[in-house]
Each structure stands twice: as C-alpha cells, then as structure tokens.
Amino acid sequence: MKITAVETLRLAEFANIVWVLIKTDEGITGLGETFMGAAAVEAYIHETVAPKLVGRDPLQIEAINRDLIGYLGWRGAGVETRGNSAVDIALWDIFGKTLGVPISVALGGKSRDSIRTYNTCAGYRYVRDARAQAVANWGLGESTPGPYEDLDAFLNRADDLAHSLLKQGITGMKIWPFDIAAERTHGLDISAAELKTALAPFERIRKAVGDKMDIMVEFHSLWRLPAAQRIARALEPYDTFWHEDPVRMDSLETLKAYAPHSKAMICASETLAYPHAFRDYLATGVAGVAMLDLSWCGGLSEARKIAALAEAHQIPVAPHDCTGPVVFMASCQFSLHARNAMIQESVRAFYTGWYTELVTALPTVENGEISLSDAPGLGLELLPEVFDRPDAIHRRSTADGETT
C-alpha cells in the first residue's frame, strides 16, 4: 500500500478545525483532525508534510512519525506538532481499516468496553471562531439551538445543571468561572467580589446535589502563582475533584509551589506535547492526572507512550476533548485501550449538536458511560456534503503537486 495524496479540509464556520485525509492506492482513506491555528497547520501539511508522505507505506507509522519530527517545532504543541498529530491519527485510521478492527483493538486490544465520562460545560458555540480560548469566544448571548447551553448554565444555574447531568447518569462536570477575573488582571489578582462570584457555582452545586457530583475546575493556565494559590485555598470547602492547568505550563516547577495549597488533584496538561514533556511533569512529584490531547501531543502513537510513562508512575490519564468530532472519536478509542485511562471528557452540547452536522457516526454516551461500535479504524467519516459547502477550503497534494 502506498500513500497517493494528502488532503486538507477547512470550513469557515468552524474556523479552528482542520481535517487531514490521507489517500492510498488501495482505496483506503485515513481521517485526522486538529484544532487551533487551522490555516497555519494546513500550510504546514502541504508545504512540509505531504512531500514526505506521498509514496510511503502508511502502515509504517513509527517510521513516518520519526521522519516528520523536524529540527524546529517539536518541543511544544505548535503548528508542526498539531499537524503531525492529525497525520498520526489518520495513519492509525488506515491501520485499523486495513486490519478490519477498531483503533482500540489495533493499538493492542481493549482494556474495557466502556469508560466513565464527565461533561465539560461548554455551550453550542464555545470557542467557535479563530479568537480561540478567550471569554469573548464563549458564545454567550447567541441563539441556542438546543437544551444544553451549559456554559451559561454553570455561570447562572449551576444547581439545575448538576441535576440535569445526574439525570443522564453523568456524575462529573468541568467548569471555569475564574477566567473572567483572570482576563481582567492577566492572572495577577482576583478581588474579593470576583472570588465570591466565581465560587457561587460550587456553592449551588454542593447545596443541590451534595457529593453526588465530581467538580473538575479548569483554569486554562491563566493564573500567576500567588493568585492561583489563593483560589485553591478558597475552593477547599467544595471538595473539588481536580484542578486543571492552574498555572502556565512553561514552568512545571511552579506546580510544586501550588500543590500544597490544593486539596484537589493536579491535572495537567492538554498543552504538553510528546513523552518528554510529560516525563518532566511526572517528575515534579505532584502530578495527579496526566491530561493529553491526541491532536496536540503527537497523536495516538505518542499518547500511547505517554500513557505508559504515566502508568509507570502510577498516574492515570484522562484524554482531553473539547475540540472536534474526529478527535473525540479517537480519544474514546484510546480510552477503551489504555488501561490507566481514568475518565473521558465529552461535551454534550457538541456531540448532540454541531458534531452531527459533520460526521457519519459518534460514540454512544449512555448512563454516564461512553462506548463505541466495532466499526474499523476510527469508526466515522466526514459527511460527503461537508466537502460541497460554500465555506469549504479543500486542498490536495500529490506527487504531481498541489491543487485547490
């Protein structure tokens, strides 16, 4: 089998997503995806990656990954890493389809048939445009196409939101009410009034459902150390499940100074890439959960190595997913395989909403558990009509050059 073409697809409506399609001479196509900086990733794929892929055997995944790591751009989750991650996911899709088995089996077999999920309380238009992670891109105040506008709910009706999730068997929820104050002060300080407002959702949840709900706290790496320590102490009465990326991950030593102030586990980090970064995180001695994003860490191949490294430290992994439907499916495949996967992130506003406009299949979420079909590879494809949308940007690279 040989790779004959590398394609990318972007849609203006979903400005942060880019899909990568790897075509073969046996008619098997692999599908990958990554998130943020989509146009830059697209350029990297066609200018740098495609010439290294066309003509190669797509089943030689480790050899291809080795050859895609360049002199620059491999230290963090930048454009090169995100592009390589999407390619790796697509190669595993081909691998699974060639074997006729799901990726969870192709990776070495399942360790479980389903996995617990928690709901990241985003709304339907959360981080929809190219402004990426910012309060201005939360999508609040816009028309709501369904019942799960969970971001507005956690800010204003967290008690009702907790009841709603529990009715679906979902016993974990992630919220980020501190971001507004962080943007005002650039993470340097939070006023007493801001702290009181941000703590209100936790108070409502605990009064409404007691300890029936695990509350994950997302900090988006927005805080400087003293303010993060203050917030951690203020959260102690609410028995939060984990504190995710409380400080910026450019200095993992900072986590050591943060940890004594937090009774919750430290969870980090979707922004880290490749095993060496997670090795350094685990070496801090304060890691509670290793959170990795398949489309930012190097793909399924690197995720498997990261999970093994974490397991050697007796640390669980929890794949990040608040991006697109292909990464969601890949993450669930990985979670069914990795024996130290603890819990899988999901966003009900996404998998019941706009994901359905883009792909042919999605994981099953039922009674707080995620399961998958036995379809080979990832188990989903882009809907054919997606390619014909007027906002589609479709590029194709072959041995003869590129066409748009």
Protein backbone atom coordinates (compact mmCIF):
# COMPACT_ATOMS: atom_id res chain seq x y z
CA MET A 1 0.00 0.00 0.00
CA LYS A 2 1.22 3.49 -0.84
CA ILE A 3 0.07 6.99 0.04
CA THR A 4 -1.07 8.73 -3.15
CA ALA A 5 -2.43 12.05 -1.86
CA VAL A 6 -2.70 14.21 1.23
CA GLU A 7 -5.76 16.44 1.52
CA THR A 8 -6.92 19.06 3.99
CA LEU A 9 -10.36 20.50 4.56
CA ARG A 10 -11.39 23.59 6.50
CA LEU A 11 -14.80 25.21 6.97
CA ALA A 12 -15.15 28.92 7.67
CA GLU A 13 -17.96 28.24 10.15
CA PHE A 14 -15.62 26.08 12.27
CA ALA A 15 -12.53 28.22 11.91
CA ASN A 16 -10.34 26.36 14.40
CA ILE A 17 -10.64 22.88 12.88
CA VAL A 18 -8.63 21.37 10.05
CA TRP A 19 -9.14 17.81 8.80
CA VAL A 20 -6.39 15.78 7.17
CA LEU A 21 -7.26 12.99 4.74
CA ILE A 22 -4.56 10.54 3.64
CA LYS A 23 -5.42 8.68 0.43
CA THR A 24 -3.91 5.33 -0.61
CA ASP A 25 -3.64 3.33 -3.81
CA GLU A 26 -5.84 0.61 -2.27
CA GLY A 27 -8.78 2.97 -1.84
CA ILE A 28 -8.44 3.28 1.93
CA THR A 29 -8.58 6.83 3.31
CA GLY A 30 -7.39 7.83 6.76
CA LEU A 31 -9.01 10.75 8.57
CA GLY A 32 -7.27 13.00 11.08
CA GLU A 33 -8.03 16.32 12.76
CA THR A 34 -6.50 19.04 14.85
CA PHE A 35 -7.67 22.26 16.43
CA MET A 36 -6.46 25.88 16.60
CA GLY A 37 -4.32 27.68 14.03
CA ALA A 38 -6.08 25.72 11.30
CA ALA A 39 -4.78 27.75 8.35
CA ALA A 40 -1.20 27.54 9.60
CA VAL A 41 -1.49 23.77 10.09
CA GLU A 42 -2.94 23.48 6.59
CA ALA A 43 0.06 25.30 5.12
CA TYR A 44 2.48 23.12 7.07
CA ILE A 45 0.76 19.94 5.89
CA HIS A 46 1.05 20.84 2.21
CA GLU A 47 4.42 22.59 2.24
CA THR A 48 6.32 20.25 4.56
CA VAL A 49 4.46 17.05 5.34
CA ALA A 50 2.88 15.97 2.07
CA PRO A 51 6.21 15.67 0.18
CA LYS A 52 7.42 13.34 2.97
CA LEU A 53 4.26 11.20 2.85
CA VAL A 54 3.38 10.65 -0.79
CA GLY A 55 4.73 7.30 -1.95
CA ARG A 56 5.25 5.97 1.60
CA ASP A 57 3.68 2.86 3.13
CA PRO A 58 1.02 4.26 5.53
CA LEU A 59 1.37 1.25 7.82
CA GLN A 60 4.92 2.25 8.75
CA ILE A 61 3.57 4.66 11.35
CA GLU A 62 6.61 4.85 13.63
CA ALA A 63 8.99 5.45 10.72
CA ILE A 64 6.79 8.21 9.34
CA ASN A 65 6.45 9.89 12.73
CA ARG A 66 10.22 9.80 13.19
CA ASP A 67 10.77 11.42 9.80
CA LEU A 68 8.19 14.15 10.44
CA ILE A 69 9.93 15.45 13.56
CA GLY A 70 11.91 18.39 12.23
CA TYR A 71 14.80 20.43 13.51
CA LEU A 72 12.34 23.03 14.85
CA GLY A 73 8.79 22.91 16.15
CA TRP A 74 8.80 19.65 18.10
CA ARG A 75 9.26 20.95 21.65
CA GLY A 76 5.65 22.06 22.27
CA ALA A 77 2.17 21.78 20.81
CA GLY A 78 2.84 24.26 18.00
CA VAL A 79 1.82 24.08 14.36
CA GLU A 80 4.22 21.28 13.47
CA THR A 81 3.12 19.09 16.35
CA ARG A 82 -0.56 19.69 15.71
CA GLY A 83 -0.11 18.85 12.03
CA ASN A 84 1.87 15.72 12.83
CA SER A 85 -0.79 14.71 15.37
CA ALA A 86 -3.54 14.89 12.75
CA VAL A 87 -1.42 12.83 10.35
CA ASP A 88 -0.78 10.19 13.01
CA ILE A 89 -4.49 9.86 13.77
CA ALA A 90 -5.18 9.42 10.05
CA LEU A 91 -2.46 6.75 9.76
CA TRP A 92 -3.97 4.79 12.63
CA ASP A 93 -7.36 5.08 10.92
CA ILE A 94 -5.81 3.43 7.86
CA PHE A 95 -4.13 0.81 10.04
CA GLY A 96 -7.40 -0.15 11.72
CA LYS A 97 -9.30 -0.23 8.44
CA THR A 98 -6.61 -2.43 6.87
CA LEU A 99 -6.89 -4.91 9.75
CA GLY A 100 -10.69 -4.59 9.83
CA VAL A 101 -10.71 -3.68 13.53
CA PRO A 102 -11.35 -0.53 15.62
CA ILE A 103 -8.33 1.52 16.63
CA SER A 104 -8.88 0.45 20.25
CA VAL A 105 -8.10 -3.10 19.10
CA ALA A 106 -5.38 -2.12 16.61
CA LEU A 107 -3.48 -0.38 19.42
CA GLY A 108 -3.17 -3.71 21.21
CA GLY A 109 -6.67 -4.51 22.33
CA LYS A 110 -9.30 -3.04 24.62
CA SER A 111 -8.88 -2.88 28.36
CA ARG A 112 -12.60 -2.11 28.81
CA ASP A 113 -15.83 -1.92 26.83
CA SER A 114 -16.89 1.48 28.14
CA ILE A 115 -15.46 4.35 30.15
CA ARG A 116 -16.91 6.91 32.51
CA THR A 117 -17.35 10.40 31.09
CA TYR A 118 -17.63 13.85 32.57
CA ASN A 119 -19.31 16.81 30.91
CA THR A 120 -17.28 19.86 30.05
CA CYS A 121 -19.90 22.55 30.48
CA ALA A 122 -19.45 24.40 27.20
CA GLY A 123 -22.26 25.72 25.04
CA TYR A 124 -23.04 25.17 21.39
CA ARG A 125 -20.81 27.98 20.10
CA TYR A 126 -17.98 27.75 22.62
CA VAL A 127 -14.60 28.68 21.04
CA ARG A 128 -16.21 28.59 17.62
CA ASP A 129 -14.22 31.35 15.89
CA ALA A 130 -10.49 31.95 15.45
CA ARG A 131 -10.11 34.00 18.64
CA ALA A 132 -9.55 30.62 20.31
CA GLN A 133 -9.53 30.44 24.11
CA ALA A 134 -11.00 33.73 25.40
CA VAL A 135 -14.08 34.88 27.29
CA ALA A 136 -15.12 36.81 24.17
CA ASN A 137 -15.29 33.45 22.35
CA TRP A 138 -17.57 31.70 24.83
CA GLY A 139 -20.57 32.11 22.51
CA LEU A 140 -22.84 33.54 25.18
CA GLY A 141 -25.80 35.68 24.21
CA GLU A 142 -26.24 33.95 20.85
CA SER A 143 -29.18 31.84 19.74
CA THR A 144 -29.32 28.42 21.40
CA PRO A 145 -30.13 25.53 19.05
CA GLY A 146 -30.80 23.02 21.82
CA PRO A 147 -31.25 22.39 25.55
CA TYR A 148 -27.58 22.18 26.55
CA GLU A 149 -26.28 25.74 26.78
CA ASP A 150 -24.18 24.50 29.67
CA LEU A 151 -21.73 27.41 29.91
CA ASP A 152 -24.47 29.92 30.65
CA ALA A 153 -25.96 27.32 32.97
CA PHE A 154 -22.84 26.82 35.10
CA LEU A 155 -22.46 30.58 35.48
CA ASN A 156 -26.08 31.23 36.42
CA ARG A 157 -27.92 27.96 37.21
CA ALA A 158 -25.27 25.51 38.31
CA ASP A 159 -27.68 23.69 40.61
CA ASP A 160 -30.14 22.99 37.79
CA LEU A 161 -27.25 21.97 35.54
CA ALA A 162 -26.00 19.43 38.08
CA HIS A 163 -29.47 17.90 38.35
CA SER A 164 -29.74 17.74 34.56
CA LEU A 165 -26.43 15.89 34.25
CA LEU A 166 -27.25 13.44 37.02
CA LYS A 167 -30.50 12.56 35.24
CA GLN A 168 -28.32 11.38 32.35
CA GLY A 169 -26.09 9.40 34.69
CA ILE A 170 -23.21 11.88 34.29
CA THR A 171 -21.54 12.33 37.67
CA GLY A 172 -18.70 14.67 36.73
CA MET A 173 -18.73 18.22 35.39
CA LYS A 174 -15.98 20.70 34.48
CA ILE A 175 -16.41 24.46 34.88
CA TRP A 176 -14.18 27.57 34.61
CA PRO A 177 -15.80 30.52 36.42
CA PHE A 178 -12.45 32.11 37.30
CA ASP A 179 -11.48 33.01 33.72
CA ILE A 180 -13.31 36.34 33.72
CA ALA A 181 -11.26 37.65 36.63
CA ALA A 182 -8.07 36.21 35.15
CA GLU A 183 -8.52 38.16 31.93
CA ARG A 184 -9.11 41.40 33.83
CA THR A 185 -5.86 41.17 35.81
CA HIS A 186 -3.82 38.96 33.45
CA GLY A 187 -3.84 36.36 36.22
CA LEU A 188 -2.14 38.57 38.78
CA ASP A 189 -5.02 39.08 41.22
CA ILE A 190 -8.66 38.38 41.94
CA SER A 191 -10.79 40.70 44.05
CA ALA A 192 -12.92 39.53 46.95
CA ALA A 193 -16.07 40.26 44.96
CA GLU A 194 -14.78 38.35 41.92
CA LEU A 195 -13.80 35.41 44.09
CA LYS A 196 -17.25 35.32 45.69
CA THR A 197 -18.93 35.38 42.28
CA ALA A 198 -16.69 32.62 40.91
CA LEU A 199 -17.30 30.41 43.94
CA ALA A 200 -21.08 30.72 43.69
CA PRO A 201 -21.50 27.83 41.18
CA PHE A 202 -19.64 25.47 43.51
CA GLU A 203 -21.87 26.53 46.40
CA ARG A 204 -25.01 25.92 44.31
CA ILE A 205 -23.85 22.51 43.13
CA ARG A 206 -22.99 21.25 46.59
CA LYS A 207 -26.26 22.54 48.08
CA ALA A 208 -28.27 20.97 45.28
CA VAL A 209 -26.69 17.52 44.91
CA GLY A 210 -24.18 17.18 47.73
CA ASP A 211 -21.29 14.88 46.90
CA LYS A 212 -23.10 13.10 44.05
CA MET A 213 -21.25 15.27 41.52
CA ASP A 214 -17.49 15.45 40.97
CA ILE A 215 -16.49 19.00 40.06
CA MET A 216 -13.43 19.47 37.87
CA VAL A 217 -12.02 23.02 37.87
CA GLU A 218 -10.48 24.34 34.65
CA PHE A 219 -8.06 27.27 34.99
CA HIS A 220 -6.77 27.40 31.38
CA SER A 221 -3.26 28.21 32.66
CA LEU A 222 -4.35 31.81 33.14
CA TRP A 223 -3.12 32.42 36.69
CA ARG A 224 0.12 33.56 38.26
CA LEU A 225 1.20 31.57 41.28
CA PRO A 226 0.04 33.75 44.23
CA ALA A 227 -3.47 34.22 42.85
CA ALA A 228 -3.70 30.53 41.94
CA GLN A 229 -2.73 29.57 45.49
CA ARG A 230 -5.39 31.89 46.90
CA ILE A 231 -8.08 30.39 44.68
CA ALA A 232 -7.03 26.86 45.60
CA ARG A 233 -7.45 27.62 49.29
CA ALA A 234 -10.86 29.18 48.66
CA LEU A 235 -12.02 26.04 46.82
CA GLU A 236 -11.13 23.66 49.65
CA PRO A 237 -14.63 23.59 51.27
CA TYR A 238 -16.18 22.38 47.99
CA ASP A 239 -14.10 19.19 47.69
CA THR A 240 -13.28 19.68 44.01
CA PHE A 241 -12.11 16.64 42.02
CA TRP A 242 -9.12 18.11 40.18
CA HIS A 243 -7.56 21.47 39.41
CA GLU A 244 -6.60 21.59 35.75
CA ASP A 245 -3.73 23.73 34.49
CA PRO A 246 -3.84 26.19 37.42
CA VAL A 247 -0.67 27.92 36.22
CA ARG A 248 1.07 28.20 32.88
CA MET A 249 2.90 25.02 31.95
CA ASP A 250 6.10 26.81 30.88
CA SER A 251 7.49 26.25 34.38
CA LEU A 252 6.48 22.92 35.83
CA GLU A 253 8.42 23.74 38.98
CA THR A 254 5.62 26.19 39.76
CA LEU A 255 3.27 23.24 40.28
CA LYS A 256 5.36 22.20 43.28
CA ALA A 257 4.69 25.56 44.91
CA TYR A 258 0.99 25.36 44.01
CA ALA A 259 0.36 21.80 45.20
CA PRO A 260 0.45 22.37 49.00
CA HIS A 261 -2.38 24.88 48.67
CA SER A 262 -4.69 22.48 46.80
CA LYS A 263 -6.55 19.55 48.34
CA ALA A 264 -7.66 18.53 44.84
CA MET A 265 -5.51 16.54 42.44
CA ILE A 266 -3.44 18.49 39.94
CA CYS A 267 -4.38 17.71 36.35
CA ALA A 268 -2.03 18.70 33.51
CA SER A 269 -1.84 19.26 30.66
CA GLU A 270 -3.57 19.31 27.31
CA THR A 271 -0.94 21.85 26.22
CA LEU A 272 2.00 19.48 26.69
CA ALA A 273 3.38 17.52 23.75
CA TYR A 274 5.39 14.31 23.39
CA PRO A 275 6.56 12.00 26.19
CA HIS A 276 9.50 14.21 27.23
CA ALA A 277 7.14 16.97 28.39
CA PHE A 278 5.04 14.54 30.40
CA ARG A 279 8.20 12.99 31.82
CA ASP A 280 9.07 16.41 33.24
CA TYR A 281 5.51 16.84 34.58
CA LEU A 282 5.55 13.46 36.27
CA ALA A 283 8.98 14.19 37.72
CA THR A 284 7.54 17.07 39.76
CA GLY A 285 6.07 14.50 42.14
CA VAL A 286 2.76 16.40 42.38
CA ALA A 287 1.04 15.05 39.27
CA GLY A 288 -2.42 13.65 39.93
CA VAL A 289 -3.73 13.17 36.40
CA ALA A 290 -1.94 13.27 33.05
CA MET A 291 -4.27 15.01 30.62
CA LEU A 292 -3.28 14.72 26.98
CA ASP A 293 -4.91 15.93 23.78
CA LEU A 294 -4.46 13.49 20.91
CA SER A 295 -4.36 16.29 18.35
CA TRP A 296 -1.80 18.35 20.27
CA CYS A 297 0.52 15.79 21.90
CA GLY A 298 1.72 13.98 18.77
CA GLY A 299 -1.25 11.74 18.03
CA LEU A 300 -2.21 8.24 19.11
CA SER A 301 1.35 6.97 18.82
CA GLU A 302 2.72 9.47 21.33
CA ALA A 303 -0.37 9.21 23.53
CA ARG A 304 0.28 5.50 23.96
CA LYS A 305 3.85 6.23 25.09
CA ILE A 306 2.68 8.99 27.42
CA ALA A 307 0.12 6.66 28.98
CA ALA A 308 2.79 4.00 29.54
CA LEU A 309 5.08 6.57 31.15
CA ALA A 310 2.26 7.75 33.41
CA GLU A 311 1.41 4.17 34.33
CA ALA A 312 4.99 3.61 35.44
CA HIS A 313 4.41 6.47 37.89
CA GLN A 314 1.00 5.02 38.93
CA ILE A 315 -0.70 8.10 37.46
CA PRO A 316 -3.95 7.86 35.45
CA VAL A 317 -4.52 9.55 32.10
CA ALA A 318 -7.63 11.47 31.05
CA PRO A 319 -7.81 12.39 27.34
CA HIS A 320 -8.82 15.97 26.66
CA ASP A 321 -11.65 16.64 24.27
CA CYS A 322 -13.26 20.00 23.69
CA THR A 323 -12.34 20.32 20.03
CA GLY A 324 -13.82 18.43 17.07
CA PRO A 325 -15.67 15.15 16.40
CA VAL A 326 -12.74 13.21 14.93
CA VAL A 327 -10.52 13.81 17.95
CA PHE A 328 -13.47 12.94 20.19
CA MET A 329 -13.81 9.58 18.49
CA ALA A 330 -10.05 8.97 18.51
CA SER A 331 -9.90 9.86 22.21
CA CYS A 332 -12.66 7.40 23.04
CA GLN A 333 -10.87 4.69 21.05
CA PHE A 334 -7.73 5.43 23.03
CA SER A 335 -9.59 5.44 26.35
CA LEU A 336 -11.02 1.99 25.69
CA HIS A 337 -7.48 0.74 25.00
CA ALA A 338 -5.30 2.43 27.66
CA ARG A 339 -5.59 0.54 30.92
CA ASN A 340 -4.76 3.59 33.04
CA ALA A 341 -7.37 5.80 31.36
CA MET A 342 -9.50 7.05 34.24
CA ILE A 343 -12.22 9.13 32.61
CA GLN A 344 -13.04 10.58 29.18
CA GLU A 345 -14.00 14.20 28.61
CA SER A 346 -17.07 14.97 26.49
CA VAL A 347 -19.26 17.97 25.71
CA ARG A 348 -22.93 17.15 25.36
CA ALA A 349 -23.64 20.43 23.56
CA PHE A 350 -21.14 19.27 20.92
CA TYR A 351 -21.94 15.58 20.46
CA THR A 352 -25.69 16.23 20.37
CA GLY A 353 -25.21 19.44 18.37
CA TRP A 354 -22.76 20.52 15.70
CA TYR A 355 -20.74 17.27 15.61
CA THR A 356 -23.79 15.66 13.99
CA GLU A 357 -23.54 18.14 11.09
CA LEU A 358 -20.04 16.94 10.18
CA VAL A 359 -19.54 13.19 10.66
CA THR A 360 -21.29 9.90 9.97
CA ALA A 361 -21.06 8.39 13.46
CA LEU A 362 -20.26 9.29 17.06
CA PRO A 363 -19.60 7.47 20.33
CA THR A 364 -22.59 6.34 22.36
CA VAL A 365 -23.00 8.21 25.64
CA GLU A 366 -25.41 6.45 27.98
CA ASN A 367 -25.77 6.40 31.77
CA GLY A 368 -22.58 8.38 32.14
CA GLU A 369 -20.52 5.87 30.13
CA ILE A 370 -19.05 6.07 26.62
CA SER A 371 -18.95 3.05 24.33
CA LEU A 372 -18.15 2.51 20.66
CA SER A 373 -19.21 0.29 17.80
CA ASP A 374 -16.89 -2.30 16.27
CA ALA A 375 -16.51 -0.32 13.02
CA PRO A 376 -12.92 -0.48 11.75
CA GLY A 377 -10.46 2.36 12.17
CA LEU A 378 -11.82 5.43 13.86
CA GLY A 379 -15.36 4.34 13.09
CA LEU A 380 -16.51 7.55 11.42
CA GLU A 381 -16.09 9.59 8.24
CA LEU A 382 -16.80 13.16 7.24
CA LEU A 383 -20.26 13.52 5.73
CA PRO A 384 -19.98 13.79 1.92
CA GLU A 385 -21.91 17.05 1.84
CA VAL A 386 -19.28 18.74 4.02
CA PHE A 387 -16.94 18.90 1.02
CA ASP A 388 -19.56 20.75 -1.05
CA ARG A 389 -20.27 23.50 1.45
CA PRO A 390 -19.71 27.03 0.10
CA ASP A 391 -17.37 27.82 3.03
CA ALA A 392 -15.15 24.78 2.37
CA ILE A 393 -11.43 25.15 1.62
CA HIS A 394 -10.20 21.86 0.16
CA ARG A 395 -6.54 21.36 -0.79
CA ARG A 396 -4.90 18.27 -2.25
CA SER A 397 -1.22 17.39 -2.62
CA THR A 398 0.03 14.52 -4.82
CA ALA A 399 3.30 13.55 -6.44
CA ASP A 400 2.40 16.00 -9.22
CA GLY A 401 1.94 18.99 -6.91
CA GLU A 402 -0.96 20.72 -5.18
CA THR A 403 -4.47 21.56 -6.31
CA THR A 404 -7.15 23.58 -4.53
